[in-house]
Amino acid sequence: MSYQNYGIRPQLVERIKYKMKNPVVKDRIRQLLGNVTKYDLQDRPKVRKLVKAAAVILQEQLTDTQEDQIVAFVMGQKIDPNNTFHLLKLWGMFR
């Protein structure tokens, strides 16, 4: 299922992809997500906190609706950061 099905705008995704090309920003996001588990990514308050922290790093002003959409998307993917297949699937979604 695509991120667009969750109401996330392609313009936002493209802007974030562009910002992630900056090595400093990419490293800060990597540090933020480095110890995240699949259980963390199924805990709505933790996901919301991660989304807010990532928005600060990326200097993105997200509306409450955008936050809700991103949280719903992350939880809907049932991501296991230790599962290579899950990571490849996500990579394919955002290439």
PDB file of N, CA and C in Angstrom:
ATOM      1  N   MET A   1       0.844  -1.188   0.000  1.00  0.00           N
ATOM      2  CA  MET A   1       0.000   0.000   0.000  1.00  0.00           C
ATOM      3  C   MET A   1       0.884   1.243   0.000  1.00  0.00           C
ATOM      4  N   SER A   2       0.554   2.183  -0.806  1.00  0.00           N
ATOM      5  CA  SER A   2       1.350   3.382  -0.996  1.00  0.00           C
ATOM      6  C   SER A   2       1.093   4.419   0.101  1.00  0.00           C
ATOM      7  N   TYR A   3       2.089   5.252   0.330  1.00  0.00           N
ATOM      8  CA  TYR A   3       1.930   6.336   1.301  1.00  0.00           C
ATOM      9  C   TYR A   3       0.811   7.281   0.876  1.00  0.00           C
ATOM     10  N   GLN A   4       0.549   7.384  -0.428  1.00  0.00           N
ATOM     11  CA  GLN A   4      -0.515   8.261  -0.906  1.00  0.00           C
ATOM     12  C   GLN A   4      -1.889   7.781  -0.446  1.00  0.00           C
ATOM     13  N   ASN A   5      -2.037   6.489  -0.218  1.00  0.00           N
ATOM     14  CA  ASN A   5      -3.313   5.959   0.278  1.00  0.00           C
ATOM     15  C   ASN A   5      -3.605   6.455   1.687  1.00  0.00           C
ATOM     16  N   TYR A   6      -2.573   6.927   2.380  1.00  0.00           N
ATOM     17  CA  TYR A   6      -2.740   7.454   3.737  1.00  0.00           C
ATOM     18  C   TYR A   6      -2.926   8.973   3.717  1.00  0.00           C
ATOM     19  N   GLY A   7      -2.967   9.550   2.530  1.00  0.00           N
ATOM     20  CA  GLY A   7      -3.175  10.991   2.401  1.00  0.00           C
ATOM     21  C   GLY A   7      -1.890  11.805   2.464  1.00  0.00           C
ATOM     22  N   ILE A   8      -0.749  11.135   2.436  1.00  0.00           N
ATOM     23  CA  ILE A   8       0.534  11.840   2.483  1.00  0.00           C
ATOM     24  C   ILE A   8       0.836  12.350   1.076  1.00  0.00           C
ATOM     25  N   ARG A   9       1.108  13.634   0.980  1.00  0.00           N
ATOM     26  CA  ARG A   9       1.307  14.272  -0.327  1.00  0.00           C
ATOM     27  C   ARG A   9       2.677  13.963  -0.904  1.00  0.00           C
ATOM     28  N   PRO A  10       2.737  13.681  -2.201  1.00  0.00           N
ATOM     29  CA  PRO A  10       4.025  13.407  -2.858  1.00  0.00           C
ATOM     30  C   PRO A  10       5.016  14.571  -2.723  1.00  0.00           C
ATOM     31  N   GLN A  11       4.505  15.816  -2.675  1.00  0.00           N
ATOM     32  CA  GLN A  11       5.387  16.982  -2.545  1.00  0.00           C
ATOM     33  C   GLN A  11       6.148  16.933  -1.225  1.00  0.00           C
ATOM     34  N   LEU A  12       5.484  16.520  -0.157  1.00  0.00           N
ATOM     35  CA  LEU A  12       6.131  16.397   1.152  1.00  0.00           C
ATOM     36  C   LEU A  12       7.211  15.322   1.083  1.00  0.00           C
ATOM     37  N   VAL A  13       6.892  14.195   0.492  1.00  0.00           N
ATOM     38  CA  VAL A  13       7.850  13.090   0.387  1.00  0.00           C
ATOM     39  C   VAL A  13       9.067  13.528  -0.428  1.00  0.00           C
ATOM     40  N   GLU A  14       8.850  14.225  -1.538  1.00  0.00           N
ATOM     41  CA  GLU A  14       9.967  14.683  -2.376  1.00  0.00           C
ATOM     42  C   GLU A  14      10.843  15.681  -1.623  1.00  0.00           C
ATOM     43  N   ARG A  15      10.219  16.571  -0.862  1.00  0.00           N
ATOM     44  CA  ARG A  15      10.971  17.557  -0.077  1.00  0.00           C
ATOM     45  C   ARG A  15      11.844  16.864   0.966  1.00  0.00           C
ATOM     46  N   ILE A  16      11.277  15.855   1.623  1.00  0.00           N
ATOM     47  CA  ILE A  16      12.016  15.120   2.657  1.00  0.00           C
ATOM     48  C   ILE A  16      13.147  14.308   2.011  1.00  0.00           C
ATOM     49  N   LYS A  17      12.876  13.676   0.877  1.00  0.00           N
ATOM     50  CA  LYS A  17      13.920  12.918   0.181  1.00  0.00           C
ATOM     51  C   LYS A  17      15.090  13.838  -0.175  1.00  0.00           C
ATOM     52  N   TYR A  18      14.786  15.041  -0.634  1.00  0.00           N
ATOM     53  CA  TYR A  18      15.827  16.002  -0.989  1.00  0.00           C
ATOM     54  C   TYR A  18      16.653  16.379   0.250  1.00  0.00           C
ATOM     55  N   LYS A  19      15.978  16.644   1.350  1.00  0.00           N
ATOM     56  CA  LYS A  19      16.676  17.026   2.581  1.00  0.00           C
ATOM     57  C   LYS A  19      17.523  15.880   3.121  1.00  0.00           C
ATOM     58  N   MET A  20      17.079  14.647   2.911  1.00  0.00           N
ATOM     59  CA  MET A  20      17.821  13.474   3.395  1.00  0.00           C
ATOM     60  C   MET A  20      19.131  13.257   2.623  1.00  0.00           C
ATOM     61  N   LYS A  21      19.312  13.944   1.507  1.00  0.00           N
ATOM     62  CA  LYS A  21      20.566  13.844   0.757  1.00  0.00           C
ATOM     63  C   LYS A  21      21.695  14.595   1.464  1.00  0.00           C
ATOM     64  N   ASN A  22      21.342  15.462   2.398  1.00  0.00           N
ATOM     65  CA  ASN A  22      22.346  16.171   3.187  1.00  0.00           C
ATOM     66  C   ASN A  22      22.915  15.182   4.208  1.00  0.00           C
ATOM     67  N   PRO A  23      24.229  14.910   4.173  1.00  0.00           N
ATOM     68  CA  PRO A  23      24.823  13.900   5.063  1.00  0.00           C
ATOM     69  C   PRO A  23      24.621  14.186   6.557  1.00  0.00           C
ATOM     70  N   VAL A  24      24.599  15.452   6.940  1.00  0.00           N
ATOM     71  CA  VAL A  24      24.413  15.809   8.352  1.00  0.00           C
ATOM     72  C   VAL A  24      22.995  15.451   8.794  1.00  0.00           C
ATOM     73  N   VAL A  25      22.018  15.806   7.982  1.00  0.00           N
ATOM     74  CA  VAL A  25      20.615  15.508   8.289  1.00  0.00           C
ATOM     75  C   VAL A  25      20.410  13.991   8.319  1.00  0.00           C
ATOM     76  N   LYS A  26      20.963  13.309   7.321  1.00  0.00           N
ATOM     77  CA  LYS A  26      20.825  11.853   7.231  1.00  0.00           C
ATOM     78  C   LYS A  26      21.403  11.183   8.477  1.00  0.00           C
ATOM     79  N   ASP A  27      22.553  11.665   8.934  1.00  0.00           N
ATOM     80  CA  ASP A  27      23.187  11.095  10.124  1.00  0.00           C
ATOM     81  C   ASP A  27      22.340  11.337  11.375  1.00  0.00           C
ATOM     82  N   ARG A  28      21.756  12.521  11.494  1.00  0.00           N
ATOM     83  CA  ARG A  28      20.908  12.818  12.659  1.00  0.00           C
ATOM     84  C   ARG A  28      19.662  11.935  12.669  1.00  0.00           C
ATOM     85  N   ILE A  29      19.070  11.707  11.504  1.00  0.00           N
ATOM     86  CA  ILE A  29      17.901  10.818  11.397  1.00  0.00           C
ATOM     87  C   ILE A  29      18.318   9.387  11.727  1.00  0.00           C
ATOM     88  N   ARG A  30      19.477   8.976  11.241  1.00  0.00           N
ATOM     89  CA  ARG A  30      19.981   7.627  11.524  1.00  0.00           C
ATOM     90  C   ARG A  30      20.174   7.441  13.029  1.00  0.00           C
ATOM     91  N   GLN A  31      20.708   8.455  13.701  1.00  0.00           N
ATOM     92  CA  GLN A  31      20.885   8.380  15.158  1.00  0.00           C
ATOM     93  C   GLN A  31      19.535   8.289  15.867  1.00  0.00           C
ATOM     94  N   LEU A  32      18.561   9.057  15.384  1.00  0.00           N
ATOM     95  CA  LEU A  32      17.219   9.040  15.977  1.00  0.00           C
ATOM     96  C   LEU A  32      16.598   7.651  15.877  1.00  0.00           C
ATOM     97  N   LEU A  33      16.775   7.005  14.739  1.00  0.00           N
ATOM     98  CA  LEU A  33      16.105   5.727  14.481  1.00  0.00           C
ATOM     99  C   LEU A  33      16.981   4.507  14.744  1.00  0.00           C
ATOM    100  N   GLY A  34      18.223   4.729  15.144  1.00  0.00           N
ATOM    101  CA  GLY A  34      19.189   3.651  15.293  1.00  0.00           C
ATOM    102  C   GLY A  34      18.787   2.517  16.208  1.00  0.00           C
ATOM    103  N   ASN A  35      18.108   2.800  17.293  1.00  0.00           N
ATOM    104  CA  ASN A  35      17.769   1.758  18.268  1.00  0.00           C
ATOM    105  C   ASN A  35      16.278   1.427  18.290  1.00  0.00           C
ATOM    106  N   VAL A  36      15.568   1.802  17.235  1.00  0.00           N
ATOM    107  CA  VAL A  36      14.123   1.582  17.180  1.00  0.00           C
ATOM    108  C   VAL A  36      13.844   0.107  16.887  1.00  0.00           C
ATOM    109  N   THR A  37      12.863  -0.449  17.592  1.00  0.00           N
ATOM    110  CA  THR A  37      12.475  -1.843  17.381  1.00  0.00           C
ATOM    111  C   THR A  37      11.118  -1.910  16.680  1.00  0.00           C
ATOM    112  N   LYS A  38      10.761  -3.112  16.236  1.00  0.00           N
ATOM    113  CA  LYS A  38       9.447  -3.273  15.599  1.00  0.00           C
ATOM    114  C   LYS A  38       8.327  -2.982  16.598  1.00  0.00           C
ATOM    115  N   TYR A  39       8.586  -3.211  17.881  1.00  0.00           N
ATOM    116  CA  TYR A  39       7.569  -2.925  18.909  1.00  0.00           C
ATOM    117  C   TYR A  39       7.402  -1.422  19.095  1.00  0.00           C
ATOM    118  N   ASP A  40       8.503  -0.681  19.001  1.00  0.00           N
ATOM    119  CA  ASP A  40       8.419   0.779  19.075  1.00  0.00           C
ATOM    120  C   ASP A  40       7.566   1.320  17.932  1.00  0.00           C
ATOM    121  N   LEU A  41       7.716   0.708  16.754  1.00  0.00           N
ATOM    122  CA  LEU A  41       7.009   1.187  15.569  1.00  0.00           C
ATOM    123  C   LEU A  41       5.540   0.756  15.530  1.00  0.00           C
ATOM    124  N   GLN A  42       5.096   0.030  16.542  1.00  0.00           N
ATOM    125  CA  GLN A  42       3.679  -0.312  16.667  1.00  0.00           C
ATOM    126  C   GLN A  42       3.052   0.366  17.884  1.00  0.00           C
ATOM    127  N   ASP A  43       3.808   1.243  18.524  1.00  0.00           N
ATOM    128  CA  ASP A  43       3.354   1.986  19.699  1.00  0.00           C
ATOM    129  C   ASP A  43       3.067   3.428  19.259  1.00  0.00           C
ATOM    130  N   ARG A  44       1.776   3.757  19.142  1.00  0.00           N
ATOM    131  CA  ARG A  44       1.368   5.058  18.587  1.00  0.00           C
ATOM    132  C   ARG A  44       2.074   6.250  19.256  1.00  0.00           C
ATOM    133  N   PRO A  45       2.132   6.342  20.586  1.00  0.00           N
ATOM    134  CA  PRO A  45       2.815   7.500  21.188  1.00  0.00           C
ATOM    135  C   PRO A  45       4.304   7.569  20.824  1.00  0.00           C
ATOM    136  N   LYS A  46       4.967   6.428  20.743  1.00  0.00           N
ATOM    137  CA  LYS A  46       6.394   6.425  20.378  1.00  0.00           C
ATOM    138  C   LYS A  46       6.581   6.853  18.927  1.00  0.00           C
ATOM    139  N   VAL A  47       5.709   6.365  18.046  1.00  0.00           N
ATOM    140  CA  VAL A  47       5.809   6.735  16.634  1.00  0.00           C
ATOM    141  C   VAL A  47       5.569   8.229  16.483  1.00  0.00           C
ATOM    142  N   ARG A  48       4.573   8.757  17.180  1.00  0.00           N
ATOM    143  CA  ARG A  48       4.283  10.195  17.108  1.00  0.00           C
ATOM    144  C   ARG A  48       5.495  11.002  17.579  1.00  0.00           C
ATOM    145  N   LYS A  49       6.127  10.555  18.649  1.00  0.00           N
ATOM    146  CA  LYS A  49       7.306  11.236  19.176  1.00  0.00           C
ATOM    147  C   LYS A  49       8.449  11.202  18.150  1.00  0.00           C
ATOM    148  N   LEU A  50       8.644  10.052  17.495  1.00  0.00           N
ATOM    149  CA  LEU A  50       9.674   9.929  16.460  1.00  0.00           C
ATOM    150  C   LEU A  50       9.375  10.839  15.265  1.00  0.00           C
ATOM    151  N   VAL A  51       8.112  10.907  14.868  1.00  0.00           N
ATOM    152  CA  VAL A  51       7.719  11.758  13.736  1.00  0.00           C
ATOM    153  C   VAL A  51       8.001  13.225  14.077  1.00  0.00           C
ATOM    154  N   LYS A  52       7.644  13.634  15.290  1.00  0.00           N
ATOM    155  CA  LYS A  52       7.891  15.025  15.697  1.00  0.00           C
ATOM    156  C   LYS A  52       9.385  15.326  15.743  1.00  0.00           C
ATOM    157  N   ALA A  53      10.172  14.393  16.280  1.00  0.00           N
ATOM    158  CA  ALA A  53      11.626  14.595  16.354  1.00  0.00           C
ATOM    159  C   ALA A  53      12.235  14.665  14.955  1.00  0.00           C
ATOM    160  N   ALA A  54      11.776  13.804  14.049  1.00  0.00           N
ATOM    161  CA  ALA A  54      12.281  13.812  12.673  1.00  0.00           C
ATOM    162  C   ALA A  54      11.899  15.122  11.981  1.00  0.00           C
ATOM    163  N   ALA A  55      10.698  15.621  12.234  1.00  0.00           N
ATOM    164  CA  ALA A  55      10.258  16.881  11.629  1.00  0.00           C
ATOM    165  C   ALA A  55      11.157  18.034  12.068  1.00  0.00           C
ATOM    166  N   VAL A  56      11.573  18.021  13.326  1.00  0.00           N
ATOM    167  CA  VAL A  56      12.478  19.067  13.824  1.00  0.00           C
ATOM    168  C   VAL A  56      13.819  18.970  13.102  1.00  0.00           C
ATOM    169  N   ILE A  57      14.355  17.766  13.003  1.00  0.00           N
ATOM    170  CA  ILE A  57      15.645  17.562  12.322  1.00  0.00           C
ATOM    171  C   ILE A  57      15.555  18.017  10.864  1.00  0.00           C
ATOM    172  N   LEU A  58      14.439  17.694  10.214  1.00  0.00           N
ATOM    173  CA  LEU A  58      14.255  18.018   8.796  1.00  0.00           C
ATOM    174  C   LEU A  58      13.749  19.445   8.576  1.00  0.00           C
ATOM    175  N   GLN A  59      13.486  20.159   9.653  1.00  0.00           N
ATOM    176  CA  GLN A  59      12.947  21.523   9.612  1.00  0.00           C
ATOM    177  C   GLN A  59      11.659  21.583   8.789  1.00  0.00           C
ATOM    178  N   GLU A  60      10.773  20.634   9.085  1.00  0.00           N
ATOM    179  CA  GLU A  60       9.462  20.562   8.433  1.00  0.00           C
ATOM    180  C   GLU A  60       8.391  20.922   9.457  1.00  0.00           C
ATOM    181  N   GLN A  61       7.501  21.811   9.071  1.00  0.00           N
ATOM    182  CA  GLN A  61       6.372  22.148   9.917  1.00  0.00           C
ATOM    183  C   GLN A  61       5.198  21.253   9.504  1.00  0.00           C
ATOM    184  N   LEU A  62       4.904  20.241  10.321  1.00  0.00           N
ATOM    185  CA  LEU A  62       3.813  19.327  10.006  1.00  0.00           C
ATOM    186  C   LEU A  62       2.545  19.755  10.730  1.00  0.00           C
ATOM    187  N   THR A  63       1.422  19.662  10.027  1.00  0.00           N
ATOM    188  CA  THR A  63       0.144  19.913  10.683  1.00  0.00           C
ATOM    189  C   THR A  63      -0.221  18.668  11.488  1.00  0.00           C
ATOM    190  N   ASP A  64      -1.194  18.800  12.373  1.00  0.00           N
ATOM    191  CA  ASP A  64      -1.653  17.638  13.144  1.00  0.00           C
ATOM    192  C   ASP A  64      -2.151  16.538  12.203  1.00  0.00           C
ATOM    193  N   THR A  65      -2.822  16.939  11.144  1.00  0.00           N
ATOM    194  CA  THR A  65      -3.336  15.961  10.171  1.00  0.00           C
ATOM    195  C   THR A  65      -2.191  15.220   9.496  1.00  0.00           C
ATOM    196  N   GLN A  66      -1.150  15.954   9.089  1.00  0.00           N
ATOM    197  CA  GLN A  66      -0.003  15.308   8.458  1.00  0.00           C
ATOM    198  C   GLN A  66       0.673  14.340   9.428  1.00  0.00           C
ATOM    199  N   GLU A  67       0.817  14.754  10.678  1.00  0.00           N
ATOM    200  CA  GLU A  67       1.397  13.866  11.693  1.00  0.00           C
ATOM    201  C   GLU A  67       0.578  12.593  11.812  1.00  0.00           C
ATOM    202  N   ASP A  68      -0.749  12.753  11.916  1.00  0.00           N
ATOM    203  CA  ASP A  68      -1.634  11.589  12.037  1.00  0.00           C
ATOM    204  C   ASP A  68      -1.482  10.657  10.832  1.00  0.00           C
ATOM    205  N   GLN A  69      -1.383  11.232   9.630  1.00  0.00           N
ATOM    206  CA  GLN A  69      -1.250  10.430   8.415  1.00  0.00           C
ATOM    207  C   GLN A  69       0.058   9.650   8.421  1.00  0.00           C
ATOM    208  N   ILE A  70       1.139  10.304   8.832  1.00  0.00           N
ATOM    209  CA  ILE A  70       2.447   9.646   8.854  1.00  0.00           C
ATOM    210  C   ILE A  70       2.471   8.548   9.908  1.00  0.00           C
ATOM    211  N   VAL A  71       1.898   8.828  11.083  1.00  0.00           N
ATOM    212  CA  VAL A  71       1.837   7.823  12.152  1.00  0.00           C
ATOM    213  C   VAL A  71       1.036   6.612  11.673  1.00  0.00           C
ATOM    214  N   ALA A  72      -0.104   6.855  11.053  1.00  0.00           N
ATOM    215  CA  ALA A  72      -0.941   5.764  10.540  1.00  0.00           C
ATOM    216  C   ALA A  72      -0.187   4.957   9.479  1.00  0.00           C
ATOM    217  N   PHE A  73       0.553   5.655   8.614  1.00  0.00           N
ATOM    218  CA  PHE A  73       1.330   4.965   7.585  1.00  0.00           C
ATOM    219  C   PHE A  73       2.390   4.061   8.204  1.00  0.00           C
ATOM    220  N   VAL A  74       3.166   4.606   9.139  1.00  0.00           N
ATOM    221  CA  VAL A  74       4.241   3.826   9.771  1.00  0.00           C
ATOM    222  C   VAL A  74       3.662   2.596  10.470  1.00  0.00           C
ATOM    223  N   MET A  75       2.589   2.796  11.221  1.00  0.00           N
ATOM    224  CA  MET A  75       1.989   1.678  11.943  1.00  0.00           C
ATOM    225  C   MET A  75       1.375   0.658  10.970  1.00  0.00           C
ATOM    226  N   GLY A  76       0.810   1.147   9.877  1.00  0.00           N
ATOM    227  CA  GLY A  76       0.180   0.277   8.900  1.00  0.00           C
ATOM    228  C   GLY A  76       1.162  -0.612   8.159  1.00  0.00           C
ATOM    229  N   GLN A  77       2.416  -0.197   8.098  1.00  0.00           N
ATOM    230  CA  GLN A  77       3.429  -0.983   7.378  1.00  0.00           C
ATOM    231  C   GLN A  77       3.956  -2.150   8.202  1.00  0.00           C
ATOM    232  N   LYS A  78       3.725  -2.116   9.526  1.00  0.00           N
ATOM    233  CA  LYS A  78       4.216  -3.166  10.434  1.00  0.00           C
ATOM    234  C   LYS A  78       5.701  -3.459  10.173  1.00  0.00           C
ATOM    235  N   ILE A  79       6.491  -2.397  10.225  1.00  0.00           N
ATOM    236  CA  ILE A  79       7.917  -2.458   9.893  1.00  0.00           C
ATOM    237  C   ILE A  79       8.708  -3.136  10.999  1.00  0.00           C
ATOM    238  N   ASP A  80       9.569  -4.062  10.584  1.00  0.00           N
ATOM    239  CA  ASP A  80      10.563  -4.646  11.481  1.00  0.00           C
ATOM    240  C   ASP A  80      11.912  -4.155  10.973  1.00  0.00           C
ATOM    241  N   PRO A  81      12.565  -3.219  11.701  1.00  0.00           N
ATOM    242  CA  PRO A  81      13.828  -2.658  11.213  1.00  0.00           C
ATOM    243  C   PRO A  81      14.948  -3.689  11.087  1.00  0.00           C
ATOM    244  N   ASN A  82      14.781  -4.871  11.671  1.00  0.00           N
ATOM    245  CA  ASN A  82      15.801  -5.912  11.564  1.00  0.00           C
ATOM    246  C   ASN A  82      15.518  -6.887  10.431  1.00  0.00           C
ATOM    247  N   ASN A  83      14.423  -6.665   9.710  1.00  0.00           N
ATOM    248  CA  ASN A  83      14.042  -7.543   8.609  1.00  0.00           C
ATOM    249  C   ASN A  83      14.413  -6.855   7.285  1.00  0.00           C
ATOM    250  N   THR A  84      15.388  -7.406   6.595  1.00  0.00           N
ATOM    251  CA  THR A  84      15.874  -6.804   5.356  1.00  0.00           C
ATOM    252  C   THR A  84      14.763  -6.666   4.320  1.00  0.00           C
ATOM    253  N   PHE A  85      13.867  -7.648   4.242  1.00  0.00           N
ATOM    254  CA  PHE A  85      12.767  -7.578   3.278  1.00  0.00           C
ATOM    255  C   PHE A  85      11.891  -6.351   3.541  1.00  0.00           C
ATOM    256  N   HIS A  86      11.589  -6.073   4.808  1.00  0.00           N
ATOM    257  CA  HIS A  86      10.770  -4.905   5.148  1.00  0.00           C
ATOM    258  C   HIS A  86      11.470  -3.618   4.702  1.00  0.00           C
ATOM    259  N   LEU A  87      12.773  -3.557   4.939  1.00  0.00           N
ATOM    260  CA  LEU A  87      13.519  -2.351   4.585  1.00  0.00           C
ATOM    261  C   LEU A  87      13.589  -2.170   3.068  1.00  0.00           C
ATOM    262  N   LEU A  88      13.755  -3.274   2.337  1.00  0.00           N
ATOM    263  CA  LEU A  88      13.772  -3.198   0.878  1.00  0.00           C
ATOM    264  C   LEU A  88      12.412  -2.753   0.333  1.00  0.00           C
ATOM    265  N   LYS A  89      11.347  -3.240   0.954  1.00  0.00           N
ATOM    266  CA  LYS A  89       9.995  -2.855   0.534  1.00  0.00           C
ATOM    267  C   LYS A  89       9.798  -1.343   0.710  1.00  0.00           C
ATOM    268  N   LEU A  90      10.244  -0.830   1.863  1.00  0.00           N
ATOM    269  CA  LEU A  90      10.139   0.612   2.103  1.00  0.00           C
ATOM    270  C   LEU A  90      11.000   1.395   1.112  1.00  0.00           C
ATOM    271  N   TRP A  91      12.205   0.905   0.880  1.00  0.00           N
ATOM    272  CA  TRP A  91      13.105   1.565  -0.066  1.00  0.00           C
ATOM    273  C   TRP A  91      12.434   1.681  -1.435  1.00  0.00           C
ATOM    274  N   GLY A  92      11.812   0.601  -1.854  1.00  0.00           N
ATOM    275  CA  GLY A  92      11.122   0.600  -3.145  1.00  0.00           C
ATOM    276  C   GLY A  92       9.975   1.592  -3.212  1.00  0.00           C
ATOM    277  N   MET A  93       9.311   1.808  -2.093  1.00  0.00           N
ATOM    278  CA  MET A  93       8.189   2.741  -2.053  1.00  0.00           C
ATOM    279  C   MET A  93       8.621   4.183  -2.253  1.00  0.00           C
ATOM    280  N   PHE A  94       9.839   4.502  -1.807  1.00  0.00           N
ATOM    281  CA  PHE A  94      10.279   5.905  -1.789  1.00  0.00           C
ATOM    282  C   PHE A  94      11.416   6.200  -2.757  1.00  0.00           C
ATOM    283  N   ARG A  95      11.722   5.284  -3.680  1.00  0.00           N
ATOM    284  CA  ARG A  95      12.813   5.536  -4.624  1.00  0.00           C
ATOM    285  C   ARG A  95      12.511   6.686  -5.546  1.00  0.00           C
TER     286      ARG A  95
END
